[in-house]
């Protein structure tokens, strides 16, 4: 499979490709409550393969003094692929690219956090892949939390 190009979406709104992709995902993955053309919070990125939009990546980077007071900022990530692009072995590549993106664009982040709903039908494969890429597993009531500290080794890559 080809590499994934990650392209930032300027001025993301609940319309067009974002709406089309997220309305088509299975229940239990994303819960979006928005009206047409509402501004979307945080940063949104297209995941492109051969120039076609294959999915979305969402990143919010902020301090979390309640649960992660020892960290500077937490880069929380979420992603999804269109159905046609799933099960093609792209997840490892995406995870590596997301780590590089966070290191380069979110310079205050010291931790990457993927929150996966327990209702996500792809929980097992996502969890397993992230753990193989150095993410630590934990759970809370409704979610699986997969986190990876960004250390000097990440910054030197």
N, C-alpha and C. Protein backbone atom coordinates (compact mmCIF):
# COMPACT_ATOMS: atom_id res chain seq x y z
N UNK A 1 0.84 -1.18 0.00
CA UNK A 1 0.00 0.00 0.00
C UNK A 1 0.88 1.23 0.00
N UNK A 2 0.42 2.27 -0.62
CA UNK A 2 1.17 3.52 -0.70
C UNK A 2 1.19 4.26 0.63
N UNK A 3 2.14 5.18 0.74
CA UNK A 3 2.20 6.02 1.93
C UNK A 3 0.95 6.89 2.00
N UNK A 4 0.69 7.34 3.19
CA UNK A 4 -0.44 8.22 3.43
C UNK A 4 0.09 9.65 3.46
N UNK A 5 -0.53 10.53 2.69
CA UNK A 5 -0.22 11.95 2.76
C UNK A 5 -1.18 12.57 3.76
N UNK A 6 -0.64 13.32 4.70
CA UNK A 6 -1.46 13.97 5.72
C UNK A 6 -1.49 15.46 5.39
N UNK A 7 -2.69 15.96 5.08
CA UNK A 7 -2.86 17.34 4.62
C UNK A 7 -3.81 18.09 5.55
N UNK A 8 -3.33 19.18 6.13
CA UNK A 8 -4.15 19.95 7.08
C UNK A 8 -5.33 20.59 6.36
N UNK A 9 -6.48 20.56 7.03
CA UNK A 9 -7.70 21.17 6.50
C UNK A 9 -7.79 22.58 7.06
N UNK A 10 -7.79 23.56 6.17
CA UNK A 10 -7.96 24.95 6.60
C UNK A 10 -9.43 25.21 6.87
N UNK A 11 -9.72 25.81 8.01
CA UNK A 11 -11.08 26.20 8.35
C UNK A 11 -12.07 25.02 8.27
N UNK A 12 -11.84 23.95 9.03
CA UNK A 12 -12.72 22.78 8.95
C UNK A 12 -14.13 23.08 9.45
N UNK A 13 -15.12 22.67 8.67
CA UNK A 13 -16.52 22.84 9.04
C UNK A 13 -17.25 21.51 8.85
N UNK A 14 -18.43 21.41 9.48
CA UNK A 14 -19.28 20.23 9.33
C UNK A 14 -19.96 20.32 7.96
N UNK A 15 -19.23 19.91 6.95
CA UNK A 15 -19.72 19.94 5.57
C UNK A 15 -18.75 19.12 4.72
N UNK A 16 -19.08 18.97 3.47
CA UNK A 16 -18.19 18.34 2.50
C UNK A 16 -17.64 17.00 2.93
N UNK A 17 -16.32 16.83 2.74
CA UNK A 17 -15.66 15.55 3.00
C UNK A 17 -15.72 15.14 4.47
N UNK A 18 -15.56 16.10 5.38
CA UNK A 18 -15.61 15.75 6.80
C UNK A 18 -16.96 15.13 7.13
N UNK A 19 -18.02 15.81 6.74
CA UNK A 19 -19.37 15.31 7.01
C UNK A 19 -19.60 13.97 6.32
N UNK A 20 -19.21 13.87 5.07
CA UNK A 20 -19.41 12.65 4.30
C UNK A 20 -18.72 11.45 4.95
N UNK A 21 -17.48 11.63 5.36
CA UNK A 21 -16.72 10.53 5.96
C UNK A 21 -17.29 10.15 7.32
N UNK A 22 -17.55 11.14 8.17
CA UNK A 22 -17.98 10.83 9.53
C UNK A 22 -19.41 10.33 9.60
N UNK A 23 -20.26 10.73 8.66
CA UNK A 23 -21.62 10.19 8.65
C UNK A 23 -21.65 8.74 8.20
N UNK A 24 -20.58 8.30 7.54
CA UNK A 24 -20.54 6.95 7.00
C UNK A 24 -19.85 5.94 7.93
N UNK A 25 -19.24 6.41 9.01
CA UNK A 25 -18.58 5.45 9.91
C UNK A 25 -19.60 4.75 10.80
N UNK A 26 -19.23 3.60 11.28
CA UNK A 26 -20.09 2.80 12.13
C UNK A 26 -20.39 3.52 13.44
N UNK A 27 -21.53 3.20 14.03
CA UNK A 27 -21.87 3.74 15.34
C UNK A 27 -20.78 3.37 16.33
N UNK A 28 -20.54 4.24 17.28
CA UNK A 28 -19.59 3.95 18.33
C UNK A 28 -18.18 4.42 18.06
N UNK A 29 -17.95 5.08 16.92
CA UNK A 29 -16.61 5.57 16.61
C UNK A 29 -16.51 7.06 16.91
N UNK A 30 -17.31 7.85 16.24
CA UNK A 30 -17.34 9.29 16.46
C UNK A 30 -18.75 9.69 16.86
N UNK A 31 -18.85 10.64 17.76
CA UNK A 31 -20.14 11.23 18.10
C UNK A 31 -20.05 12.72 17.81
N UNK A 32 -20.57 13.14 16.68
CA UNK A 32 -20.53 14.54 16.28
C UNK A 32 -21.94 15.09 16.37
N UNK A 33 -22.08 16.18 17.11
CA UNK A 33 -23.36 16.88 17.22
C UNK A 33 -23.14 18.27 16.64
N UNK A 34 -23.41 18.42 15.34
CA UNK A 34 -23.14 19.69 14.67
C UNK A 34 -24.20 19.96 13.62
N UNK A 35 -24.39 21.22 13.34
CA UNK A 35 -25.27 21.65 12.26
C UNK A 35 -24.42 21.94 11.03
N UNK A 36 -25.05 21.93 9.87
CA UNK A 36 -24.38 22.20 8.60
C UNK A 36 -23.51 23.46 8.72
N UNK A 37 -22.26 23.34 8.28
CA UNK A 37 -21.28 24.43 8.23
C UNK A 37 -20.79 24.92 9.59
N UNK A 38 -21.13 24.23 10.69
CA UNK A 38 -20.57 24.59 11.99
C UNK A 38 -19.05 24.42 11.94
N UNK A 39 -18.34 25.31 12.62
CA UNK A 39 -16.89 25.19 12.74
C UNK A 39 -16.56 23.95 13.57
N UNK A 40 -15.55 23.23 13.15
CA UNK A 40 -15.10 22.05 13.88
C UNK A 40 -13.94 22.47 14.78
N UNK A 41 -13.93 22.01 16.02
CA UNK A 41 -12.86 22.36 16.93
C UNK A 41 -11.58 21.60 16.63
N UNK A 42 -10.49 22.10 17.15
CA UNK A 42 -9.17 21.47 17.04
C UNK A 42 -8.68 21.46 15.60
N UNK A 43 -7.69 20.61 15.33
CA UNK A 43 -7.09 20.52 14.00
C UNK A 43 -7.59 19.26 13.31
N UNK A 44 -7.94 19.40 12.05
CA UNK A 44 -8.40 18.29 11.23
C UNK A 44 -7.47 18.15 10.05
N UNK A 45 -7.21 16.91 9.67
CA UNK A 45 -6.29 16.60 8.59
C UNK A 45 -6.94 15.55 7.68
N UNK A 46 -6.74 15.70 6.37
CA UNK A 46 -7.14 14.66 5.43
C UNK A 46 -6.04 13.60 5.39
N UNK A 47 -6.43 12.35 5.32
CA UNK A 47 -5.52 11.24 5.08
C UNK A 47 -5.71 10.87 3.61
N UNK A 48 -4.69 11.13 2.79
CA UNK A 48 -4.82 10.93 1.35
C UNK A 48 -3.93 9.79 0.87
N UNK A 49 -4.47 9.04 -0.06
CA UNK A 49 -3.74 7.96 -0.71
C UNK A 49 -3.92 8.16 -2.21
N UNK A 50 -2.81 8.26 -2.91
CA UNK A 50 -2.84 8.52 -4.36
C UNK A 50 -3.72 9.73 -4.69
N UNK A 51 -3.66 10.75 -3.86
CA UNK A 51 -4.41 11.98 -4.10
C UNK A 51 -5.87 11.93 -3.71
N UNK A 52 -6.36 10.78 -3.30
CA UNK A 52 -7.77 10.65 -2.91
C UNK A 52 -7.90 10.70 -1.39
N UNK A 53 -8.96 11.33 -0.91
CA UNK A 53 -9.19 11.42 0.53
C UNK A 53 -9.67 10.07 1.04
N UNK A 54 -8.81 9.43 1.84
CA UNK A 54 -9.09 8.09 2.34
C UNK A 54 -9.63 8.11 3.77
N UNK A 55 -9.43 9.23 4.47
CA UNK A 55 -9.87 9.30 5.85
C UNK A 55 -9.57 10.64 6.47
N UNK A 56 -9.74 10.67 7.79
CA UNK A 56 -9.55 11.90 8.56
C UNK A 56 -8.70 11.63 9.80
N UNK A 57 -7.97 12.65 10.20
CA UNK A 57 -7.22 12.65 11.45
C UNK A 57 -7.61 13.91 12.20
N UNK A 58 -7.83 13.76 13.49
CA UNK A 58 -8.19 14.88 14.36
C UNK A 58 -7.15 14.95 15.46
N UNK A 59 -6.64 16.16 15.72
CA UNK A 59 -5.67 16.34 16.80
C UNK A 59 -6.04 17.57 17.61
N UNK A 60 -6.08 17.41 18.91
CA UNK A 60 -6.21 18.56 19.81
C UNK A 60 -5.04 18.47 20.78
N UNK A 61 -4.36 19.59 20.96
CA UNK A 61 -3.20 19.62 21.83
C UNK A 61 -3.42 20.66 22.91
N UNK A 62 -3.41 20.20 24.17
CA UNK A 62 -3.67 21.12 25.27
C UNK A 62 -3.15 20.52 26.57
N UNK A 63 -3.09 21.35 27.59
CA UNK A 63 -2.70 20.88 28.91
C UNK A 63 -3.88 20.14 29.55
N UNK A 64 -3.58 19.13 30.32
CA UNK A 64 -4.60 18.40 31.06
C UNK A 64 -4.09 18.26 32.49
N UNK A 65 -4.43 19.24 33.32
CA UNK A 65 -3.91 19.28 34.68
C UNK A 65 -4.60 18.28 35.60
N UNK A 66 -5.74 17.75 35.18
CA UNK A 66 -6.46 16.80 36.04
C UNK A 66 -5.82 15.41 36.01
N UNK A 67 -5.59 14.89 34.81
CA UNK A 67 -5.10 13.52 34.68
C UNK A 67 -3.62 13.43 34.33
N UNK A 68 -3.09 14.45 33.69
CA UNK A 68 -1.71 14.40 33.20
C UNK A 68 -0.92 15.62 33.64
N UNK A 69 -0.95 15.91 34.92
CA UNK A 69 -0.30 17.12 35.42
C UNK A 69 1.22 17.10 35.25
N UNK A 70 1.81 15.93 35.08
CA UNK A 70 3.26 15.83 34.89
C UNK A 70 3.68 16.14 33.45
N UNK A 71 2.75 16.18 32.53
CA UNK A 71 3.05 16.41 31.12
C UNK A 71 2.89 17.89 30.78
N UNK A 72 3.61 18.37 29.78
CA UNK A 72 3.44 19.74 29.31
C UNK A 72 2.08 19.86 28.60
N UNK A 73 1.99 19.32 27.40
CA UNK A 73 0.72 19.28 26.68
C UNK A 73 0.49 17.86 26.17
N UNK A 74 -0.77 17.53 26.02
CA UNK A 74 -1.18 16.22 25.53
C UNK A 74 -1.71 16.41 24.12
N UNK A 75 -1.21 15.63 23.17
CA UNK A 75 -1.75 15.63 21.82
C UNK A 75 -2.72 14.46 21.72
N UNK A 76 -4.01 14.75 21.81
CA UNK A 76 -5.01 13.70 21.69
C UNK A 76 -5.34 13.51 20.21
N UNK A 77 -5.34 12.26 19.77
CA UNK A 77 -5.57 11.96 18.36
C UNK A 77 -6.79 11.06 18.19
N UNK A 78 -7.42 11.19 17.05
CA UNK A 78 -8.46 10.28 16.64
C UNK A 78 -8.43 10.23 15.11
N UNK A 79 -8.81 9.11 14.54
CA UNK A 79 -8.73 8.98 13.09
C UNK A 79 -9.76 7.97 12.61
N UNK A 80 -10.07 8.03 11.34
CA UNK A 80 -10.91 7.01 10.71
C UNK A 80 -10.61 6.98 9.23
N UNK A 81 -10.87 5.82 8.63
CA UNK A 81 -10.70 5.63 7.20
C UNK A 81 -12.05 5.33 6.56
N UNK A 82 -12.20 5.76 5.32
CA UNK A 82 -13.38 5.34 4.54
C UNK A 82 -13.34 3.81 4.44
N UNK A 83 -14.50 3.22 4.29
CA UNK A 83 -14.60 1.75 4.26
C UNK A 83 -13.72 1.12 3.18
N UNK A 84 -13.62 1.75 2.02
CA UNK A 84 -12.82 1.21 0.92
C UNK A 84 -11.33 1.14 1.22
N UNK A 85 -10.87 1.89 2.21
CA UNK A 85 -9.44 1.96 2.51
C UNK A 85 -9.05 1.18 3.77
N UNK A 86 -9.98 0.50 4.36
CA UNK A 86 -9.70 -0.27 5.57
C UNK A 86 -9.11 -1.63 5.22
N UNK A 87 -8.46 -2.22 6.20
CA UNK A 87 -7.88 -3.57 6.07
C UNK A 87 -6.86 -3.65 4.94
N UNK A 88 -6.09 -2.58 4.79
CA UNK A 88 -5.08 -2.54 3.74
C UNK A 88 -3.68 -2.40 4.32
N UNK A 89 -3.55 -2.56 5.64
CA UNK A 89 -2.24 -2.51 6.28
C UNK A 89 -1.66 -1.11 6.42
N UNK A 90 -2.50 -0.10 6.50
CA UNK A 90 -2.01 1.28 6.57
C UNK A 90 -1.85 1.80 7.98
N UNK A 91 -2.37 1.11 8.96
CA UNK A 91 -2.40 1.64 10.32
C UNK A 91 -1.01 1.87 10.90
N UNK A 92 -0.08 0.94 10.70
CA UNK A 92 1.29 1.13 11.19
C UNK A 92 1.92 2.38 10.60
N UNK A 93 1.78 2.55 9.30
CA UNK A 93 2.32 3.74 8.63
C UNK A 93 1.70 5.01 9.18
N UNK A 94 0.38 4.99 9.37
CA UNK A 94 -0.30 6.17 9.90
C UNK A 94 0.22 6.51 11.29
N UNK A 95 0.37 5.52 12.15
CA UNK A 95 0.81 5.76 13.52
C UNK A 95 2.22 6.37 13.53
N UNK A 96 3.10 5.87 12.68
CA UNK A 96 4.45 6.44 12.59
C UNK A 96 4.39 7.88 12.10
N UNK A 97 3.58 8.14 11.10
CA UNK A 97 3.47 9.49 10.55
C UNK A 97 2.84 10.45 11.55
N UNK A 98 1.86 9.99 12.30
CA UNK A 98 1.23 10.84 13.31
C UNK A 98 2.25 11.22 14.38
N UNK A 99 3.08 10.27 14.80
CA UNK A 99 4.12 10.59 15.79
C UNK A 99 5.04 11.69 15.26
N UNK A 100 5.47 11.56 14.02
CA UNK A 100 6.33 12.58 13.41
C UNK A 100 5.63 13.92 13.31
N UNK A 101 4.35 13.89 12.93
CA UNK A 101 3.56 15.13 12.81
C UNK A 101 3.44 15.83 14.16
N UNK A 102 3.14 15.07 15.20
CA UNK A 102 3.00 15.66 16.54
C UNK A 102 4.33 16.27 16.98
N UNK A 103 5.43 15.56 16.78
CA UNK A 103 6.74 16.07 17.17
C UNK A 103 7.07 17.37 16.43
N UNK A 104 6.75 17.43 15.14
CA UNK A 104 7.12 18.62 14.36
C UNK A 104 6.15 19.79 14.52
N UNK A 105 4.85 19.52 14.64
CA UNK A 105 3.85 20.60 14.63
C UNK A 105 3.31 20.96 16.01
N UNK A 106 3.42 20.08 16.96
CA UNK A 106 2.88 20.31 18.30
C UNK A 106 4.05 20.22 19.29
N UNK A 107 4.93 21.20 19.21
CA UNK A 107 6.23 21.12 19.89
C UNK A 107 6.15 21.11 21.41
N UNK A 108 5.04 21.53 21.99
CA UNK A 108 4.90 21.50 23.45
C UNK A 108 4.36 20.16 23.95
N UNK A 109 3.93 19.31 23.03
CA UNK A 109 3.37 18.02 23.43
C UNK A 109 4.46 17.09 23.95
N UNK A 110 4.18 16.44 25.05
CA UNK A 110 5.09 15.44 25.61
C UNK A 110 4.45 14.06 25.66
N UNK A 111 3.19 13.97 25.20
CA UNK A 111 2.46 12.71 25.23
C UNK A 111 1.45 12.70 24.09
N UNK A 112 1.36 11.57 23.40
CA UNK A 112 0.31 11.35 22.40
C UNK A 112 -0.71 10.42 23.04
N UNK A 113 -1.97 10.78 22.95
CA UNK A 113 -3.05 10.01 23.57
C UNK A 113 -4.11 9.69 22.53
N UNK A 114 -4.37 8.41 22.35
CA UNK A 114 -5.48 7.97 21.50
C UNK A 114 -6.57 7.44 22.42
N UNK A 115 -7.74 8.05 22.34
CA UNK A 115 -8.89 7.60 23.12
C UNK A 115 -9.79 6.84 22.16
N UNK A 116 -9.99 5.56 22.43
CA UNK A 116 -10.81 4.72 21.55
C UNK A 116 -12.01 4.24 22.35
N UNK A 117 -13.19 4.53 21.84
CA UNK A 117 -14.41 4.11 22.53
C UNK A 117 -14.48 2.58 22.55
N UNK A 118 -14.93 2.03 23.67
CA UNK A 118 -15.08 0.58 23.76
C UNK A 118 -16.13 0.06 22.79
N UNK A 119 -16.98 0.94 22.29
CA UNK A 119 -18.00 0.55 21.31
C UNK A 119 -17.46 0.53 19.89
N UNK A 120 -16.22 0.95 19.69
CA UNK A 120 -15.62 0.98 18.35
C UNK A 120 -15.42 -0.45 17.86
N UNK A 121 -16.00 -0.81 16.71
CA UNK A 121 -15.86 -2.18 16.22
C UNK A 121 -14.42 -2.55 15.85
N UNK A 122 -13.53 -1.57 15.75
CA UNK A 122 -12.13 -1.82 15.39
C UNK A 122 -11.20 -1.68 16.59
N UNK A 123 -11.77 -1.67 17.79
CA UNK A 123 -11.00 -1.46 19.02
C UNK A 123 -9.82 -2.42 19.12
N UNK A 124 -10.04 -3.69 18.89
CA UNK A 124 -8.98 -4.68 19.08
C UNK A 124 -7.79 -4.44 18.16
N UNK A 125 -8.04 -4.23 16.88
CA UNK A 125 -6.93 -4.04 15.93
C UNK A 125 -6.23 -2.71 16.18
N UNK A 126 -6.98 -1.66 16.49
CA UNK A 126 -6.36 -0.36 16.78
C UNK A 126 -5.50 -0.47 18.03
N UNK A 127 -6.05 -1.07 19.07
CA UNK A 127 -5.33 -1.22 20.33
C UNK A 127 -4.05 -2.03 20.14
N UNK A 128 -4.16 -3.14 19.47
CA UNK A 128 -3.00 -4.02 19.23
C UNK A 128 -1.92 -3.28 18.43
N UNK A 129 -2.33 -2.57 17.38
CA UNK A 129 -1.36 -1.86 16.54
C UNK A 129 -0.67 -0.74 17.30
N UNK A 130 -1.43 0.02 18.06
CA UNK A 130 -0.81 1.10 18.84
C UNK A 130 0.15 0.54 19.89
N UNK A 131 -0.23 -0.56 20.54
CA UNK A 131 0.66 -1.16 21.54
C UNK A 131 1.96 -1.66 20.89
N UNK A 132 1.86 -2.22 19.68
CA UNK A 132 3.07 -2.65 18.97
C UNK A 132 3.96 -1.47 18.63
N UNK A 133 3.38 -0.28 18.57
CA UNK A 133 4.13 0.94 18.27
C UNK A 133 4.51 1.71 19.53
N UNK A 134 4.50 1.04 20.68
CA UNK A 134 4.99 1.64 21.91
C UNK A 134 3.99 2.37 22.76
N UNK A 135 2.71 2.26 22.46
CA UNK A 135 1.68 2.92 23.26
C UNK A 135 1.30 2.03 24.44
N UNK A 136 1.07 2.65 25.58
CA UNK A 136 0.66 1.93 26.78
C UNK A 136 -0.86 1.91 26.87
N UNK A 137 -1.41 0.79 27.31
CA UNK A 137 -2.85 0.55 27.35
C UNK A 137 -3.39 0.80 28.76
N UNK A 138 -4.52 1.49 28.83
CA UNK A 138 -5.29 1.58 30.08
C UNK A 138 -6.75 1.78 29.69
N UNK A 139 -7.62 1.70 30.68
CA UNK A 139 -9.05 1.85 30.41
C UNK A 139 -9.68 2.77 31.44
N UNK A 140 -10.77 3.41 31.02
CA UNK A 140 -11.68 4.03 31.98
C UNK A 140 -13.06 3.48 31.65
N UNK A 141 -14.10 4.01 32.18
CA UNK A 141 -15.43 3.44 32.01
C UNK A 141 -15.84 3.14 30.59
N UNK A 142 -15.75 4.10 29.69
CA UNK A 142 -16.27 3.93 28.33
C UNK A 142 -15.19 3.83 27.27
N UNK A 143 -13.93 4.07 27.65
CA UNK A 143 -12.88 4.20 26.65
C UNK A 143 -11.65 3.36 26.98
N UNK A 144 -10.90 3.08 25.93
CA UNK A 144 -9.55 2.55 26.06
C UNK A 144 -8.62 3.72 25.78
N UNK A 145 -7.63 3.89 26.64
CA UNK A 145 -6.67 4.98 26.50
C UNK A 145 -5.33 4.37 26.10
N UNK A 146 -4.79 4.85 25.00
CA UNK A 146 -3.49 4.38 24.53
C UNK A 146 -2.58 5.60 24.46
N UNK A 147 -1.49 5.56 25.21
CA UNK A 147 -0.65 6.75 25.31
C UNK A 147 0.81 6.42 25.11
N UNK A 148 1.51 7.41 24.56
CA UNK A 148 2.94 7.24 24.30
C UNK A 148 3.64 8.56 24.60
N UNK A 149 4.62 8.48 25.50
CA UNK A 149 5.40 9.68 25.79
C UNK A 149 6.32 9.97 24.61
N UNK A 150 6.47 11.26 24.35
CA UNK A 150 7.39 11.69 23.30
C UNK A 150 8.66 12.11 24.00
N UNK A 151 9.70 11.33 23.81
CA UNK A 151 10.97 11.63 24.46
C UNK A 151 11.99 12.13 23.46
N UNK A 152 13.21 12.22 23.90
CA UNK A 152 14.29 12.71 23.04
C UNK A 152 14.47 11.81 21.83
N UNK A 153 14.26 10.50 21.98
CA UNK A 153 14.45 9.60 20.84
C UNK A 153 13.48 9.94 19.71
N UNK A 154 12.26 10.34 20.05
CA UNK A 154 11.29 10.75 19.03
C UNK A 154 11.73 12.04 18.36
N UNK A 155 12.24 12.96 19.15
CA UNK A 155 12.63 14.26 18.62
C UNK A 155 13.85 14.16 17.71
N UNK A 156 14.67 13.13 17.89
CA UNK A 156 15.89 12.99 17.09
C UNK A 156 15.65 12.28 15.77
N UNK A 157 14.47 11.72 15.57
CA UNK A 157 14.18 10.97 14.33
C UNK A 157 14.09 11.88 13.14
